């Protein structure tokens, strides 16, 4: 997938980067969750024919907290200082709930990962976002 993949939705929406930097890490994670889910679903559909049920089961292996935490740990050293800071802020954010099937540590790192994805998307750093998403699929704990 190329950088234009992300421009479909965001070209009409213009949030200054200075404003995005002030967003709560949980708001960034909210957007990042959707971006990552769409990327994973699109990737899986591009891999060949499968039933919707099969696609759903496969996507869970990428988007569950444990897998995202694994990705975050594996790509951490490849991130810029700014990206590490966004991930750290997301990891340290206090969420009101924790999914019943997720380890709290995994959930926090997954939130950090999603915060990073949301931040890159909202600041329109599409080339870097695409690069990190590609790394994510390569480093997923499936």
C-alpha atoms as a PDB file:
ATOM      1  CA  UNK A   1       0.000   0.000   0.000  1.00  0.00           C
ATOM      2  CA  UNK A   2       1.280   3.426  -0.827  1.00  0.00           C
ATOM      3  CA  UNK A   3       1.057   6.733   0.990  1.00  0.00           C
ATOM      4  CA  UNK A   4      -2.110   7.702  -0.928  1.00  0.00           C
ATOM      5  CA  UNK A   5      -3.958   4.988   1.015  1.00  0.00           C
ATOM      6  CA  UNK A   6      -4.101   7.313   4.020  1.00  0.00           C
ATOM      7  CA  UNK A   7      -5.004  10.487   2.153  1.00  0.00           C
ATOM      8  CA  UNK A   8      -8.492   9.285   1.255  1.00  0.00           C
ATOM      9  CA  UNK A   9     -10.020  10.359   4.539  1.00  0.00           C
ATOM     10  CA  UNK A  10      -7.617  12.916   5.888  1.00  0.00           C
ATOM     11  CA  UNK A  11      -7.169  15.284   2.937  1.00  0.00           C
ATOM     12  CA  UNK A  12     -10.416  17.049   3.800  1.00  0.00           C
ATOM     13  CA  UNK A  13      -9.540  17.305   7.483  1.00  0.00           C
ATOM     14  CA  UNK A  14      -6.848  19.727   8.546  1.00  0.00           C
ATOM     15  CA  UNK A  15      -5.727  19.680  12.161  1.00  0.00           C
ATOM     16  CA  UNK A  16      -2.525  21.650  12.733  1.00  0.00           C
ATOM     17  CA  UNK A  17       0.341  19.471  13.983  1.00  0.00           C
ATOM     18  CA  UNK A  18       0.751  21.749  17.027  1.00  0.00           C
ATOM     19  CA  UNK A  19      -2.829  20.898  18.000  1.00  0.00           C
ATOM     20  CA  UNK A  20      -2.311  17.169  17.448  1.00  0.00           C
ATOM     21  CA  UNK A  21       0.649  17.296  19.837  1.00  0.00           C
ATOM     22  CA  UNK A  22      -1.714  18.561  22.538  1.00  0.00           C
ATOM     23  CA  UNK A  23      -4.234  15.734  22.120  1.00  0.00           C
ATOM     24  CA  UNK A  24      -4.603  13.181  24.872  1.00  0.00           C
ATOM     25  CA  UNK A  25      -2.675   9.992  24.102  1.00  0.00           C
ATOM     26  CA  UNK A  26      -5.992   8.152  24.419  1.00  0.00           C
ATOM     27  CA  UNK A  27      -7.487  10.311  21.654  1.00  0.00           C
ATOM     28  CA  UNK A  28      -4.480   9.485  19.471  1.00  0.00           C
ATOM     29  CA  UNK A  29      -4.957   5.796  20.316  1.00  0.00           C
ATOM     30  CA  UNK A  30      -8.644   6.030  19.402  1.00  0.00           C
ATOM     31  CA  UNK A  31      -7.703   7.179  15.901  1.00  0.00           C
ATOM     32  CA  UNK A  32      -4.676   4.875  15.692  1.00  0.00           C
ATOM     33  CA  UNK A  33      -6.798   1.834  16.510  1.00  0.00           C
ATOM     34  CA  UNK A  34      -9.039   2.558  13.520  1.00  0.00           C
ATOM     35  CA  UNK A  35      -6.127   3.262  11.170  1.00  0.00           C
ATOM     36  CA  UNK A  36      -4.312   0.074  12.169  1.00  0.00           C
ATOM     37  CA  UNK A  37      -7.485  -2.015  11.902  1.00  0.00           C
ATOM     38  CA  UNK A  38      -8.192  -0.677   8.400  1.00  0.00           C
ATOM     39  CA  UNK A  39      -4.601  -1.312   7.331  1.00  0.00           C
ATOM     40  CA  UNK A  40      -4.657  -4.889   8.648  1.00  0.00           C
ATOM     41  CA  UNK A  41      -8.036  -5.644   7.064  1.00  0.00           C
ATOM     42  CA  UNK A  42      -6.918  -4.229   3.720  1.00  0.00           C
ATOM     43  CA  UNK A  43      -3.703  -6.240   3.896  1.00  0.00           C
ATOM     44  CA  UNK A  44      -5.555  -9.470   4.672  1.00  0.00           C
ATOM     45  CA  UNK A  45      -8.049  -8.949   1.851  1.00  0.00           C
ATOM     46  CA  UNK A  46      -5.130  -8.345  -0.531  1.00  0.00           C
ATOM     47  CA  UNK A  47      -3.638 -11.727   0.432  1.00  0.00           C
ATOM     48  CA  UNK A  48      -6.365 -13.662  -1.349  1.00  0.00           C
ATOM     49  CA  UNK A  49      -9.855 -14.994  -1.047  1.00  0.00           C
ATOM     50  CA  UNK A  50     -11.178 -15.891   2.368  1.00  0.00           C
ATOM     51  CA  UNK A  51     -14.494 -15.820   4.145  1.00  0.00           C
ATOM     52  CA  UNK A  52     -15.356 -12.820   6.299  1.00  0.00           C
ATOM     53  CA  UNK A  53     -15.160 -15.065   9.358  1.00  0.00           C
ATOM     54  CA  UNK A  54     -11.650 -16.204   8.406  1.00  0.00           C
ATOM     55  CA  UNK A  55     -10.583 -12.610   7.749  1.00  0.00           C
ATOM     56  CA  UNK A  56     -11.908 -11.594  11.149  1.00  0.00           C
ATOM     57  CA  UNK A  57     -10.048 -14.401  12.925  1.00  0.00           C
ATOM     58  CA  UNK A  58      -6.822 -13.517  11.100  1.00  0.00           C
ATOM     59  CA  UNK A  59      -7.170  -9.816  11.886  1.00  0.00           C
ATOM     60  CA  UNK A  60      -7.514 -10.534  15.601  1.00  0.00           C
ATOM     61  CA  UNK A  61      -4.003 -11.997  15.508  1.00  0.00           C
ATOM     62  CA  UNK A  62      -2.682  -8.556  14.557  1.00  0.00           C
ATOM     63  CA  UNK A  63      -4.915  -6.185  16.492  1.00  0.00           C
ATOM     64  CA  UNK A  64      -5.141  -7.853  19.903  1.00  0.00           C
ATOM     65  CA  UNK A  65      -3.249  -6.133  22.709  1.00  0.00           C
ATOM     66  CA  UNK A  66      -0.624  -8.874  23.012  1.00  0.00           C
ATOM     67  CA  UNK A  67       0.262  -8.640  19.310  1.00  0.00           C
ATOM     68  CA  UNK A  68       0.411  -4.841  19.362  1.00  0.00           C
ATOM     69  CA  UNK A  69       2.585  -4.882  22.486  1.00  0.00           C
ATOM     70  CA  UNK A  70       4.917  -7.321  20.730  1.00  0.00           C
ATOM     71  CA  UNK A  71       5.070  -4.995  17.724  1.00  0.00           C
ATOM     72  CA  UNK A  72       5.798  -1.980  19.940  1.00  0.00           C
ATOM     73  CA  UNK A  73       8.699  -3.758  21.645  1.00  0.00           C
ATOM     74  CA  UNK A  74      10.141  -4.954  18.323  1.00  0.00           C
ATOM     75  CA  UNK A  75      10.082  -1.585  16.569  1.00  0.00           C
ATOM     76  CA  UNK A  76      11.029   0.597  19.545  1.00  0.00           C
ATOM     77  CA  UNK A  77      14.690   0.936  18.561  1.00  0.00           C
ATOM     78  CA  UNK A  78      13.693   1.934  15.022  1.00  0.00           C
ATOM     79  CA  UNK A  79      11.652   4.918  16.200  1.00  0.00           C
ATOM     80  CA  UNK A  80      12.753   8.531  16.366  1.00  0.00           C
ATOM     81  CA  UNK A  81      12.932  10.238  19.744  1.00  0.00           C
ATOM     82  CA  UNK A  82       9.672  12.040  18.988  1.00  0.00           C
ATOM     83  CA  UNK A  83       7.946   8.757  18.081  1.00  0.00           C
ATOM     84  CA  UNK A  84       9.285   7.078  21.221  1.00  0.00           C
ATOM     85  CA  UNK A  85       7.881   9.957  23.263  1.00  0.00           C
ATOM     86  CA  UNK A  86       4.420   9.571  21.693  1.00  0.00           C
ATOM     87  CA  UNK A  87       4.514   5.809  22.347  1.00  0.00           C
ATOM     88  CA  UNK A  88       5.650   6.389  25.932  1.00  0.00           C
ATOM     89  CA  UNK A  89       2.891   8.921  26.592  1.00  0.00           C
ATOM     90  CA  UNK A  90       0.341   6.460  25.237  1.00  0.00           C
ATOM     91  CA  UNK A  91       1.771   3.627  27.288  1.00  0.00           C
ATOM     92  CA  UNK A  92       1.590   5.728  30.465  1.00  0.00           C
ATOM     93  CA  UNK A  93      -1.919   7.072  29.849  1.00  0.00           C
ATOM     94  CA  UNK A  94      -4.464   6.018  32.429  1.00  0.00           C
ATOM     95  CA  UNK A  95      -7.398   4.307  30.769  1.00  0.00           C
ATOM     96  CA  UNK A  96     -10.707   3.868  32.560  1.00  0.00           C
ATOM     97  CA  UNK A  97     -11.024   0.262  31.433  1.00  0.00           C
ATOM     98  CA  UNK A  98      -8.867  -2.721  30.576  1.00  0.00           C
ATOM     99  CA  UNK A  99     -10.151  -5.548  28.378  1.00  0.00           C
ATOM    100  CA  UNK A 100     -10.819  -8.694  30.359  1.00  0.00           C
ATOM    101  CA  UNK A 101      -8.639 -10.832  28.083  1.00  0.00           C
ATOM    102  CA  UNK A 102      -5.558  -8.591  28.066  1.00  0.00           C
ATOM    103  CA  UNK A 103      -2.562  -8.363  30.360  1.00  0.00           C
ATOM    104  CA  UNK A 104      -2.277  -4.800  31.742  1.00  0.00           C
ATOM    105  CA  UNK A 105       1.307  -4.448  30.490  1.00  0.00           C
ATOM    106  CA  UNK A 106       0.361  -5.597  27.007  1.00  0.00           C
ATOM    107  CA  UNK A 107      -2.654  -3.310  27.028  1.00  0.00           C
ATOM    108  CA  UNK A 108      -0.538  -0.292  27.938  1.00  0.00           C
ATOM    109  CA  UNK A 109       2.047  -0.973  25.217  1.00  0.00           C
ATOM    110  CA  UNK A 110      -0.774  -1.574  22.720  1.00  0.00           C
ATOM    111  CA  UNK A 111      -2.236   1.803  23.662  1.00  0.00           C
ATOM    112  CA  UNK A 112       1.187   3.366  23.136  1.00  0.00           C
ATOM    113  CA  UNK A 113       1.473   1.736  19.720  1.00  0.00           C
ATOM    114  CA  UNK A 114      -1.999   2.924  18.727  1.00  0.00           C
ATOM    115  CA  UNK A 115      -1.151   6.436  19.970  1.00  0.00           C
ATOM    116  CA  UNK A 116       1.875   6.466  17.675  1.00  0.00           C
ATOM    117  CA  UNK A 117      -0.197   5.326  14.687  1.00  0.00           C
ATOM    118  CA  UNK A 118      -2.847   7.962  15.420  1.00  0.00           C
ATOM    119  CA  UNK A 119      -0.230  10.671  15.822  1.00  0.00           C
ATOM    120  CA  UNK A 120       1.486   9.879  12.529  1.00  0.00           C
ATOM    121  CA  UNK A 121      -1.860   9.745  10.748  1.00  0.00           C
ATOM    122  CA  UNK A 122      -3.202  13.004  12.169  1.00  0.00           C
ATOM    123  CA  UNK A 123       0.060  14.842  11.490  1.00  0.00           C
ATOM    124  CA  UNK A 124      -0.080  13.481   7.917  1.00  0.00           C
ATOM    125  CA  UNK A 125       3.318  11.784   8.132  1.00  0.00           C
ATOM    126  CA  UNK A 126       2.064   9.193   5.655  1.00  0.00           C
ATOM    127  CA  UNK A 127       5.416   7.919   4.422  1.00  0.00           C
ATOM    128  CA  UNK A 128       6.595   7.214   7.973  1.00  0.00           C
ATOM    129  CA  UNK A 129       3.204   5.804   8.937  1.00  0.00           C
ATOM    130  CA  UNK A 130       3.304   3.414   6.000  1.00  0.00           C
ATOM    131  CA  UNK A 131       6.842   2.369   6.907  1.00  0.00           C
ATOM    132  CA  UNK A 132       5.886   1.639  10.528  1.00  0.00           C
ATOM    133  CA  UNK A 133       2.753  -0.237   9.505  1.00  0.00           C
ATOM    134  CA  UNK A 134       4.800  -2.427   7.152  1.00  0.00           C
ATOM    135  CA  UNK A 135       7.265  -3.090   9.979  1.00  0.00           C
ATOM    136  CA  UNK A 136       4.317  -3.887  12.214  1.00  0.00           C
ATOM    137  CA  UNK A 137       3.067  -6.670   9.984  1.00  0.00           C
ATOM    138  CA  UNK A 138       6.592  -8.086   9.773  1.00  0.00           C
ATOM    139  CA  UNK A 139       7.003  -7.944  13.567  1.00  0.00           C
ATOM    140  CA  UNK A 140       3.551  -9.107  14.621  1.00  0.00           C
ATOM    141  CA  UNK A 141       3.366 -11.951  17.118  1.00  0.00           C
ATOM    142  CA  UNK A 142       0.913 -14.142  15.217  1.00  0.00           C
END
